Amino acid sequence: MIGMAIALVAALQANAARDIHAAPCVAGRSTDPAGWSTASPVAAAASDGAAPALPIGASRQASLLPAAQIAYRVAPAKRGSDDSRGGLFAFTVPAGGRYRVALGSGAWIDVVSDGKAVDSVAHGHGPACSGVRKMVDFDLRPGRYLLQIAGSDAASLRLMVSRLS
């Protein structure tokens, strides 16, 4: 009898935990990261020298270019299909720390410094019910960085660079 009670409690706890993660999105309740909800338009560049500057902590709706038009500074590890899209953007890190690149749809992310891709330290999906599909974190020093987007099936995507610590 005690064994059945323990099994029942364990099953109820497992169902409650699953229900928390599978809860439907509630209208009017945002789980978007700060700065994500409103996005100004920006056009991706085909070369490093023309890369538009992204402000830290503000999202942008980026129009992307056909992959064949882009002169990536570092070859993307996952370039995508011949008809995929991408682009180049720049951002400046004012103080060292951990920074996150968030995307609203699937694509490959590279952060480039001094002609080399910076190793990521974490990656994952955005919060449930947010518009964030992918997040990749990098430990960065002060300076200018190039953000390379590759392998997008979409003609545009939302993106944001934010400081975590």
N, C-alpha and C. Protein backbone atom coordinates (compact mmCIF):
# COMPACT_ATOMS: atom_id res chain seq x y z
N MET A 1 0.81 -1.19 0.00
CA MET A 1 0.00 0.00 0.00
C MET A 1 0.86 1.26 0.00
N ILE A 2 1.89 1.28 0.86
CA ILE A 2 2.78 2.43 0.91
C ILE A 2 3.53 2.58 -0.42
N GLY A 3 3.92 1.45 -1.00
CA GLY A 3 4.62 1.48 -2.30
C GLY A 3 3.75 2.08 -3.38
N MET A 4 2.45 1.76 -3.39
CA MET A 4 1.54 2.32 -4.39
C MET A 4 1.37 3.82 -4.17
N ALA A 5 1.33 4.25 -2.91
CA ALA A 5 1.18 5.67 -2.61
C ALA A 5 2.41 6.44 -3.08
N ILE A 6 3.58 5.88 -2.86
CA ILE A 6 4.82 6.52 -3.31
C ILE A 6 4.84 6.60 -4.83
N ALA A 7 4.45 5.54 -5.50
CA ALA A 7 4.41 5.53 -6.96
C ALA A 7 3.42 6.57 -7.49
N LEU A 8 2.25 6.71 -6.82
CA LEU A 8 1.25 7.68 -7.24
C LEU A 8 1.77 9.10 -7.07
N VAL A 9 2.40 9.39 -5.95
CA VAL A 9 2.98 10.72 -5.71
C VAL A 9 4.05 11.02 -6.76
N ALA A 10 4.92 10.07 -7.04
CA ALA A 10 5.97 10.26 -8.05
C ALA A 10 5.37 10.53 -9.41
N ALA A 11 4.33 9.81 -9.78
CA ALA A 11 3.67 10.02 -11.07
C ALA A 11 3.03 11.40 -11.14
N LEU A 12 2.38 11.83 -10.06
CA LEU A 12 1.77 13.16 -10.04
C LEU A 12 2.82 14.26 -10.15
N GLN A 13 3.95 14.11 -9.46
CA GLN A 13 5.02 15.08 -9.54
C GLN A 13 5.60 15.14 -10.95
N ALA A 14 5.78 14.00 -11.58
CA ALA A 14 6.31 13.98 -12.95
C ALA A 14 5.34 14.66 -13.91
N ASN A 15 4.04 14.40 -13.75
CA ASN A 15 3.05 15.05 -14.61
C ASN A 15 3.03 16.56 -14.39
N ALA A 16 3.14 17.00 -13.14
CA ALA A 16 3.14 18.43 -12.84
C ALA A 16 4.36 19.09 -13.46
N ALA A 17 5.53 18.47 -13.36
CA ALA A 17 6.74 19.03 -13.96
C ALA A 17 6.62 19.10 -15.47
N ARG A 18 6.05 18.06 -16.08
CA ARG A 18 5.88 18.06 -17.53
C ARG A 18 4.90 19.16 -17.94
N ASP A 19 3.81 19.33 -17.19
CA ASP A 19 2.80 20.33 -17.51
C ASP A 19 3.35 21.74 -17.42
N ILE A 20 4.27 22.00 -16.48
CA ILE A 20 4.88 23.33 -16.38
C ILE A 20 5.62 23.65 -17.66
N HIS A 21 6.37 22.70 -18.20
CA HIS A 21 7.16 22.94 -19.40
C HIS A 21 6.32 22.91 -20.66
N ALA A 22 5.16 22.27 -20.62
CA ALA A 22 4.32 22.16 -21.81
C ALA A 22 3.14 23.12 -21.75
N ALA A 23 3.14 24.03 -20.77
CA ALA A 23 2.01 24.95 -20.62
C ALA A 23 1.88 25.81 -21.87
N PRO A 24 0.63 26.05 -22.30
CA PRO A 24 0.43 26.88 -23.48
C PRO A 24 0.83 28.32 -23.20
N CYS A 25 1.17 29.03 -24.24
CA CYS A 25 1.53 30.44 -24.10
C CYS A 25 0.29 31.23 -23.72
N VAL A 26 0.47 32.20 -22.84
CA VAL A 26 -0.64 33.02 -22.36
C VAL A 26 -0.58 34.37 -23.07
N ALA A 27 -1.68 34.75 -23.70
CA ALA A 27 -1.75 36.02 -24.41
C ALA A 27 -1.43 37.16 -23.45
N GLY A 28 -0.59 38.08 -23.91
CA GLY A 28 -0.23 39.25 -23.12
C GLY A 28 0.90 39.03 -22.15
N ARG A 29 1.35 37.78 -21.96
CA ARG A 29 2.46 37.50 -21.05
C ARG A 29 3.69 37.18 -21.89
N SER A 30 4.65 38.07 -21.88
CA SER A 30 5.84 37.91 -22.71
C SER A 30 6.95 37.21 -21.94
N THR A 31 7.63 36.31 -22.60
CA THR A 31 8.83 35.70 -22.04
C THR A 31 10.05 36.12 -22.87
N ASP A 32 9.85 37.13 -23.71
CA ASP A 32 10.95 37.62 -24.54
C ASP A 32 12.02 38.27 -23.67
N PRO A 33 13.28 38.11 -24.04
CA PRO A 33 14.35 38.82 -23.32
C PRO A 33 14.18 40.32 -23.49
N ALA A 34 14.69 41.10 -22.55
CA ALA A 34 14.64 42.56 -22.64
C ALA A 34 15.28 43.01 -23.95
N GLY A 35 14.62 43.93 -24.64
CA GLY A 35 15.15 44.45 -25.89
C GLY A 35 14.73 43.68 -27.13
N TRP A 36 14.10 42.52 -26.97
CA TRP A 36 13.76 41.66 -28.10
C TRP A 36 12.47 42.07 -28.80
N SER A 37 11.51 42.58 -28.05
CA SER A 37 10.15 42.79 -28.54
C SER A 37 10.02 43.75 -29.71
N THR A 38 10.80 44.81 -29.73
CA THR A 38 10.74 45.75 -30.84
C THR A 38 12.05 45.71 -31.60
N ALA A 39 11.92 45.64 -32.92
CA ALA A 39 13.13 45.49 -33.74
C ALA A 39 13.11 46.51 -34.87
N SER A 40 14.20 47.22 -35.01
CA SER A 40 14.38 48.13 -36.14
C SER A 40 14.96 47.33 -37.30
N PRO A 41 14.66 47.75 -38.53
CA PRO A 41 15.20 47.02 -39.68
C PRO A 41 16.69 47.31 -39.89
N VAL A 42 17.38 46.31 -40.43
CA VAL A 42 18.78 46.45 -40.81
C VAL A 42 19.03 45.51 -41.99
N ALA A 43 19.87 45.93 -42.90
CA ALA A 43 20.22 45.10 -44.05
C ALA A 43 21.60 44.50 -43.84
N ALA A 44 21.72 43.20 -44.04
CA ALA A 44 23.00 42.51 -43.93
C ALA A 44 23.95 43.01 -45.00
N ALA A 45 25.23 42.94 -44.70
CA ALA A 45 26.26 43.31 -45.68
C ALA A 45 26.86 42.04 -46.28
N ALA A 46 27.44 42.21 -47.45
CA ALA A 46 28.11 41.11 -48.14
C ALA A 46 29.59 41.05 -47.82
N SER A 47 30.13 42.13 -47.22
CA SER A 47 31.56 42.16 -46.89
C SER A 47 31.77 42.81 -45.53
N ASP A 48 32.90 42.49 -44.92
CA ASP A 48 33.24 42.96 -43.59
C ASP A 48 33.22 44.48 -43.50
N GLY A 49 33.81 45.15 -44.46
CA GLY A 49 33.92 46.61 -44.42
C GLY A 49 32.59 47.33 -44.47
N ALA A 50 31.57 46.69 -45.00
CA ALA A 50 30.25 47.31 -45.12
C ALA A 50 29.28 46.85 -44.04
N ALA A 51 29.73 46.03 -43.10
CA ALA A 51 28.85 45.44 -42.09
C ALA A 51 28.23 46.52 -41.21
N PRO A 52 26.88 46.54 -41.13
CA PRO A 52 26.22 47.54 -40.28
C PRO A 52 26.46 47.23 -38.81
N ALA A 53 26.53 48.28 -38.01
CA ALA A 53 26.77 48.13 -36.57
C ALA A 53 25.49 47.77 -35.85
N LEU A 54 25.56 46.76 -35.00
CA LEU A 54 24.45 46.36 -34.16
C LEU A 54 24.66 46.92 -32.76
N PRO A 55 23.65 47.57 -32.20
CA PRO A 55 23.78 48.03 -30.82
C PRO A 55 23.62 46.85 -29.85
N ILE A 56 24.34 46.88 -28.77
CA ILE A 56 24.21 45.84 -27.75
C ILE A 56 22.87 46.04 -27.03
N GLY A 57 22.10 44.95 -26.92
CA GLY A 57 20.86 44.98 -26.16
C GLY A 57 19.62 45.43 -26.92
N ALA A 58 19.72 45.62 -28.23
CA ALA A 58 18.55 46.01 -29.02
C ALA A 58 18.43 45.06 -30.20
N SER A 59 17.22 44.58 -30.46
CA SER A 59 17.05 43.63 -31.56
C SER A 59 16.89 44.36 -32.88
N ARG A 60 17.19 43.63 -33.94
CA ARG A 60 17.07 44.13 -35.30
C ARG A 60 16.39 43.07 -36.14
N GLN A 61 15.57 43.50 -37.08
CA GLN A 61 14.98 42.61 -38.07
C GLN A 61 15.89 42.73 -39.29
N ALA A 62 16.68 41.72 -39.53
CA ALA A 62 17.72 41.76 -40.54
C ALA A 62 17.27 41.13 -41.85
N SER A 63 17.38 41.89 -42.93
CA SER A 63 17.17 41.30 -44.25
C SER A 63 18.49 40.67 -44.66
N LEU A 64 18.41 39.46 -45.18
CA LEU A 64 19.60 38.67 -45.49
C LEU A 64 19.85 38.60 -46.99
N LEU A 65 21.05 38.21 -47.35
CA LEU A 65 21.48 38.11 -48.74
C LEU A 65 21.63 36.66 -49.16
N PRO A 66 21.53 36.39 -50.47
CA PRO A 66 21.84 35.04 -50.95
C PRO A 66 23.29 34.68 -50.57
N ALA A 67 23.49 33.46 -50.13
CA ALA A 67 24.81 33.02 -49.66
C ALA A 67 25.92 33.25 -50.68
N ALA A 68 25.61 33.09 -51.95
CA ALA A 68 26.62 33.24 -53.00
C ALA A 68 27.18 34.66 -53.07
N GLN A 69 26.47 35.64 -52.55
CA GLN A 69 26.91 37.04 -52.62
C GLN A 69 27.81 37.45 -51.45
N ILE A 70 27.93 36.59 -50.43
CA ILE A 70 28.60 36.98 -49.19
C ILE A 70 30.06 36.54 -49.18
N ALA A 71 30.94 37.49 -48.85
CA ALA A 71 32.37 37.20 -48.69
C ALA A 71 32.63 37.03 -47.19
N TYR A 72 32.37 35.83 -46.67
CA TYR A 72 32.57 35.57 -45.25
C TYR A 72 34.04 35.74 -44.90
N ARG A 73 34.32 36.36 -43.78
CA ARG A 73 35.70 36.56 -43.32
C ARG A 73 36.32 35.22 -42.93
N VAL A 74 35.52 34.36 -42.31
CA VAL A 74 35.91 33.00 -41.94
C VAL A 74 34.85 32.07 -42.52
N ALA A 75 35.26 31.01 -43.14
CA ALA A 75 34.28 30.07 -43.71
C ALA A 75 33.37 29.54 -42.61
N PRO A 76 32.05 29.71 -42.76
CA PRO A 76 31.13 29.18 -41.75
C PRO A 76 31.25 27.66 -41.65
N ALA A 77 31.16 27.16 -40.43
CA ALA A 77 31.20 25.70 -40.24
C ALA A 77 29.99 25.04 -40.89
N LYS A 78 28.87 25.76 -40.93
CA LYS A 78 27.65 25.25 -41.58
C LYS A 78 27.12 26.34 -42.49
N ARG A 79 27.53 26.31 -43.72
CA ARG A 79 27.15 27.35 -44.67
C ARG A 79 25.71 27.24 -45.12
N GLY A 80 25.15 26.06 -45.15
CA GLY A 80 23.79 25.87 -45.61
C GLY A 80 23.75 25.50 -47.08
N SER A 81 22.56 25.39 -47.62
CA SER A 81 22.38 25.01 -49.03
C SER A 81 22.72 26.18 -49.94
N ASP A 82 22.82 25.91 -51.23
CA ASP A 82 23.15 26.95 -52.21
C ASP A 82 22.12 28.08 -52.24
N ASP A 83 20.89 27.77 -51.89
CA ASP A 83 19.86 28.81 -51.91
C ASP A 83 19.59 29.40 -50.53
N SER A 84 20.46 29.13 -49.56
CA SER A 84 20.30 29.71 -48.23
C SER A 84 20.75 31.17 -48.24
N ARG A 85 20.52 31.82 -47.13
CA ARG A 85 20.81 33.25 -47.02
C ARG A 85 21.64 33.52 -45.76
N GLY A 86 22.24 34.70 -45.70
CA GLY A 86 23.03 35.08 -44.55
C GLY A 86 23.46 36.51 -44.66
N GLY A 87 24.51 36.87 -43.94
CA GLY A 87 25.02 38.23 -44.00
C GLY A 87 25.99 38.52 -42.88
N LEU A 88 26.55 39.70 -42.96
CA LEU A 88 27.56 40.15 -42.02
C LEU A 88 27.07 41.38 -41.28
N PHE A 89 27.40 41.43 -39.99
CA PHE A 89 27.05 42.54 -39.12
C PHE A 89 28.25 42.78 -38.21
N ALA A 90 28.37 43.97 -37.65
CA ALA A 90 29.45 44.28 -36.72
C ALA A 90 28.85 44.70 -35.39
N PHE A 91 29.60 44.48 -34.32
CA PHE A 91 29.21 45.01 -33.02
C PHE A 91 30.46 45.27 -32.21
N THR A 92 30.34 46.22 -31.29
CA THR A 92 31.47 46.60 -30.45
C THR A 92 31.17 46.25 -29.01
N VAL A 93 32.11 45.56 -28.39
CA VAL A 93 32.01 45.17 -27.00
C VAL A 93 32.74 46.23 -26.17
N PRO A 94 32.00 47.00 -25.34
CA PRO A 94 32.64 48.06 -24.57
C PRO A 94 33.40 47.54 -23.34
N ALA A 95 32.94 46.42 -22.77
CA ALA A 95 33.57 45.86 -21.57
C ALA A 95 33.55 44.35 -21.69
N GLY A 96 34.62 43.72 -21.26
CA GLY A 96 34.70 42.27 -21.34
C GLY A 96 33.61 41.59 -20.54
N GLY A 97 33.23 40.40 -21.00
CA GLY A 97 32.21 39.63 -20.30
C GLY A 97 31.58 38.61 -21.22
N ARG A 98 30.49 38.05 -20.77
CA ARG A 98 29.76 37.05 -21.56
C ARG A 98 28.66 37.77 -22.34
N TYR A 99 28.63 37.50 -23.64
CA TYR A 99 27.65 38.09 -24.54
C TYR A 99 26.88 36.99 -25.24
N ARG A 100 25.61 37.28 -25.54
CA ARG A 100 24.73 36.30 -26.19
C ARG A 100 24.25 36.85 -27.53
N VAL A 101 24.30 35.98 -28.54
CA VAL A 101 23.69 36.27 -29.83
C VAL A 101 22.41 35.44 -29.89
N ALA A 102 21.28 36.12 -30.11
CA ALA A 102 19.98 35.45 -30.19
C ALA A 102 19.42 35.63 -31.59
N LEU A 103 18.82 34.57 -32.11
CA LEU A 103 18.18 34.60 -33.44
C LEU A 103 16.73 34.16 -33.30
N GLY A 104 15.89 34.74 -34.15
CA GLY A 104 14.48 34.39 -34.16
C GLY A 104 14.14 33.22 -35.05
N SER A 105 15.09 32.78 -35.86
CA SER A 105 14.88 31.60 -36.70
C SER A 105 16.21 30.88 -36.87
N GLY A 106 16.17 29.71 -37.47
CA GLY A 106 17.35 28.88 -37.57
C GLY A 106 18.39 29.43 -38.54
N ALA A 107 19.63 29.46 -38.11
CA ALA A 107 20.77 29.86 -38.94
C ALA A 107 22.04 29.54 -38.15
N TRP A 108 23.17 29.58 -38.85
CA TRP A 108 24.46 29.35 -38.20
C TRP A 108 25.03 30.69 -37.77
N ILE A 109 25.63 30.73 -36.57
CA ILE A 109 26.22 31.95 -36.01
C ILE A 109 27.73 31.75 -35.87
N ASP A 110 28.49 32.73 -36.37
CA ASP A 110 29.92 32.81 -36.07
C ASP A 110 30.20 34.22 -35.59
N VAL A 111 30.97 34.35 -34.53
CA VAL A 111 31.50 35.63 -34.09
C VAL A 111 32.98 35.59 -34.41
N VAL A 112 33.46 36.62 -35.12
CA VAL A 112 34.82 36.63 -35.64
C VAL A 112 35.59 37.81 -35.05
N SER A 113 36.84 37.52 -34.63
CA SER A 113 37.75 38.54 -34.13
C SER A 113 39.14 38.23 -34.65
N ASP A 114 39.83 39.22 -35.15
CA ASP A 114 41.20 39.06 -35.64
C ASP A 114 41.31 37.93 -36.67
N GLY A 115 40.30 37.80 -37.51
CA GLY A 115 40.33 36.81 -38.58
C GLY A 115 40.07 35.38 -38.15
N LYS A 116 39.62 35.18 -36.90
CA LYS A 116 39.36 33.83 -36.40
C LYS A 116 37.98 33.78 -35.74
N ALA A 117 37.32 32.64 -35.88
CA ALA A 117 36.05 32.43 -35.20
C ALA A 117 36.30 32.28 -33.70
N VAL A 118 35.49 32.95 -32.90
CA VAL A 118 35.57 32.85 -31.44
C VAL A 118 34.78 31.62 -31.02
N ASP A 119 35.35 30.82 -30.12
CA ASP A 119 34.65 29.64 -29.62
C ASP A 119 33.46 30.05 -28.75
N SER A 120 32.34 29.39 -28.96
CA SER A 120 31.18 29.64 -28.11
C SER A 120 31.37 28.92 -26.78
N VAL A 121 30.68 29.42 -25.74
CA VAL A 121 30.79 28.80 -24.42
C VAL A 121 29.48 28.14 -24.00
N ALA A 122 28.38 28.45 -24.69
CA ALA A 122 27.08 27.84 -24.40
C ALA A 122 26.15 28.11 -25.57
N HIS A 123 25.16 27.25 -25.71
CA HIS A 123 24.14 27.47 -26.73
C HIS A 123 22.85 26.78 -26.30
N GLY A 124 21.74 27.28 -26.83
CA GLY A 124 20.47 26.69 -26.47
C GLY A 124 19.34 27.37 -27.22
N HIS A 125 18.13 27.08 -26.76
CA HIS A 125 16.92 27.67 -27.34
C HIS A 125 16.46 28.80 -26.44
N GLY A 126 15.63 29.67 -26.99
CA GLY A 126 15.08 30.76 -26.21
C GLY A 126 14.04 30.28 -25.23
N PRO A 127 13.59 31.16 -24.34
CA PRO A 127 12.56 30.80 -23.37
C PRO A 127 11.28 30.36 -24.08
N ALA A 128 10.53 29.47 -23.45
CA ALA A 128 9.26 29.03 -24.00
C ALA A 128 8.38 30.24 -24.26
N CYS A 129 7.66 30.20 -25.36
CA CYS A 129 6.72 31.26 -25.76
C CYS A 129 7.41 32.56 -26.15
N SER A 130 8.71 32.56 -26.29
CA SER A 130 9.40 33.77 -26.77
C SER A 130 9.61 33.63 -28.27
N GLY A 131 10.02 34.68 -28.89
CA GLY A 131 10.33 34.65 -30.31
C GLY A 131 11.77 34.22 -30.58
N VAL A 132 12.49 33.84 -29.53
CA VAL A 132 13.90 33.47 -29.68
C VAL A 132 13.99 31.98 -29.98
N ARG A 133 14.59 31.64 -31.11
CA ARG A 133 14.75 30.23 -31.47
C ARG A 133 16.11 29.68 -31.04
N LYS A 134 17.15 30.53 -31.14
CA LYS A 134 18.51 30.04 -30.90
C LYS A 134 19.29 31.11 -30.14
N MET A 135 20.10 30.65 -29.17
CA MET A 135 20.97 31.55 -28.42
C MET A 135 22.36 30.91 -28.34
N VAL A 136 23.38 31.72 -28.59
CA VAL A 136 24.77 31.25 -28.49
C VAL A 136 25.55 32.28 -27.68
N ASP A 137 26.28 31.82 -26.66
CA ASP A 137 27.02 32.70 -25.77
C ASP A 137 28.51 32.64 -26.06
N PHE A 138 29.16 33.80 -25.87
CA PHE A 138 30.59 33.95 -26.12
C PHE A 138 31.20 34.78 -24.99
N ASP A 139 32.40 34.42 -24.55
CA ASP A 139 33.16 35.26 -23.63
C ASP A 139 34.03 36.17 -24.49
N LEU A 140 33.78 37.49 -24.40
CA LEU A 140 34.44 38.44 -25.29
C LEU A 140 35.19 39.51 -24.52
N ARG A 141 36.27 39.97 -25.11
CA ARG A 141 37.05 41.09 -24.60
C ARG A 141 36.57 42.36 -25.30
N PRO A 142 36.89 43.53 -24.77
CA PRO A 142 36.51 44.76 -25.45
C PRO A 142 37.08 44.79 -26.87
N GLY A 143 36.29 45.32 -27.80
CA GLY A 143 36.75 45.44 -29.18
C GLY A 143 35.62 45.27 -30.18
N ARG A 144 35.99 45.32 -31.46
CA ARG A 144 35.02 45.17 -32.55
C ARG A 144 34.97 43.71 -32.98
N TYR A 145 33.76 43.22 -33.23
CA TYR A 145 33.54 41.84 -33.67
C TYR A 145 32.67 41.83 -34.92
N LEU A 146 32.86 40.81 -35.70
CA LEU A 146 32.04 40.58 -36.88
C LEU A 146 31.11 39.43 -36.57
N LEU A 147 29.82 39.63 -36.80
CA LEU A 147 28.82 38.58 -36.63
C LEU A 147 28.46 38.06 -38.01
N GLN A 148 28.71 36.77 -38.22
CA GLN A 148 28.39 36.12 -39.50
C GLN A 148 27.16 35.24 -39.30
N ILE A 149 26.17 35.43 -40.16
CA ILE A 149 24.98 34.60 -40.18
C ILE A 149 25.02 33.80 -41.47
N ALA A 150 24.81 32.50 -41.40
CA ALA A 150 24.85 31.64 -42.59
C ALA A 150 23.77 30.57 -42.48
N GLY A 151 23.38 30.05 -43.62
CA GLY A 151 22.49 28.89 -43.65
C GLY A 151 21.04 29.15 -43.29
N SER A 152 20.58 30.39 -43.42
CA SER A 152 19.18 30.68 -43.11
C SER A 152 18.30 30.33 -44.30
N ASP A 153 17.16 29.69 -44.02
CA ASP A 153 16.18 29.43 -45.06
C ASP A 153 15.29 30.65 -45.28
N ALA A 154 15.27 31.55 -44.31
CA ALA A 154 14.41 32.74 -44.38
C ALA A 154 15.15 33.92 -45.01
N ALA A 155 14.40 34.81 -45.63
CA ALA A 155 14.96 36.01 -46.25
C ALA A 155 15.30 37.07 -45.21
N SER A 156 14.71 36.95 -44.01
CA SER A 156 15.04 37.86 -42.93
C SER A 156 14.88 37.13 -41.60
N LEU A 157 15.52 37.66 -40.58
CA LEU A 157 15.40 37.09 -39.25
C LEU A 157 15.65 38.18 -38.22
N ARG A 158 15.12 37.95 -37.03
CA ARG A 158 15.39 38.86 -35.93
C ARG A 158 16.67 38.40 -35.25
N LEU A 159 17.49 39.37 -34.86
CA LEU A 159 18.73 39.05 -34.15
C LEU A 159 19.02 40.10 -33.10
N MET A 160 19.81 39.70 -32.11
CA MET A 160 20.19 40.62 -31.05
C MET A 160 21.47 40.12 -30.38
N VAL A 161 22.34 41.08 -30.05
CA VAL A 161 23.53 40.80 -29.25
C VAL A 161 23.30 41.48 -27.90
N SER A 162 23.44 40.73 -26.80
CA SER A 162 23.22 41.31 -25.48
C SER A 162 24.31 40.87 -24.52
N ARG A 163 24.54 41.68 -23.52
CA ARG A 163 25.54 41.35 -22.50
C ARG A 163 24.87 40.60 -21.36
N LEU A 164 25.48 39.48 -20.97
CA LEU A 164 24.95 38.68 -19.86
C LEU A 164 25.66 38.99 -18.56
N SER A 165 26.98 39.16 -18.62
CA SER A 165 27.73 39.44 -17.38
C SER A 165 28.98 40.23 -17.68
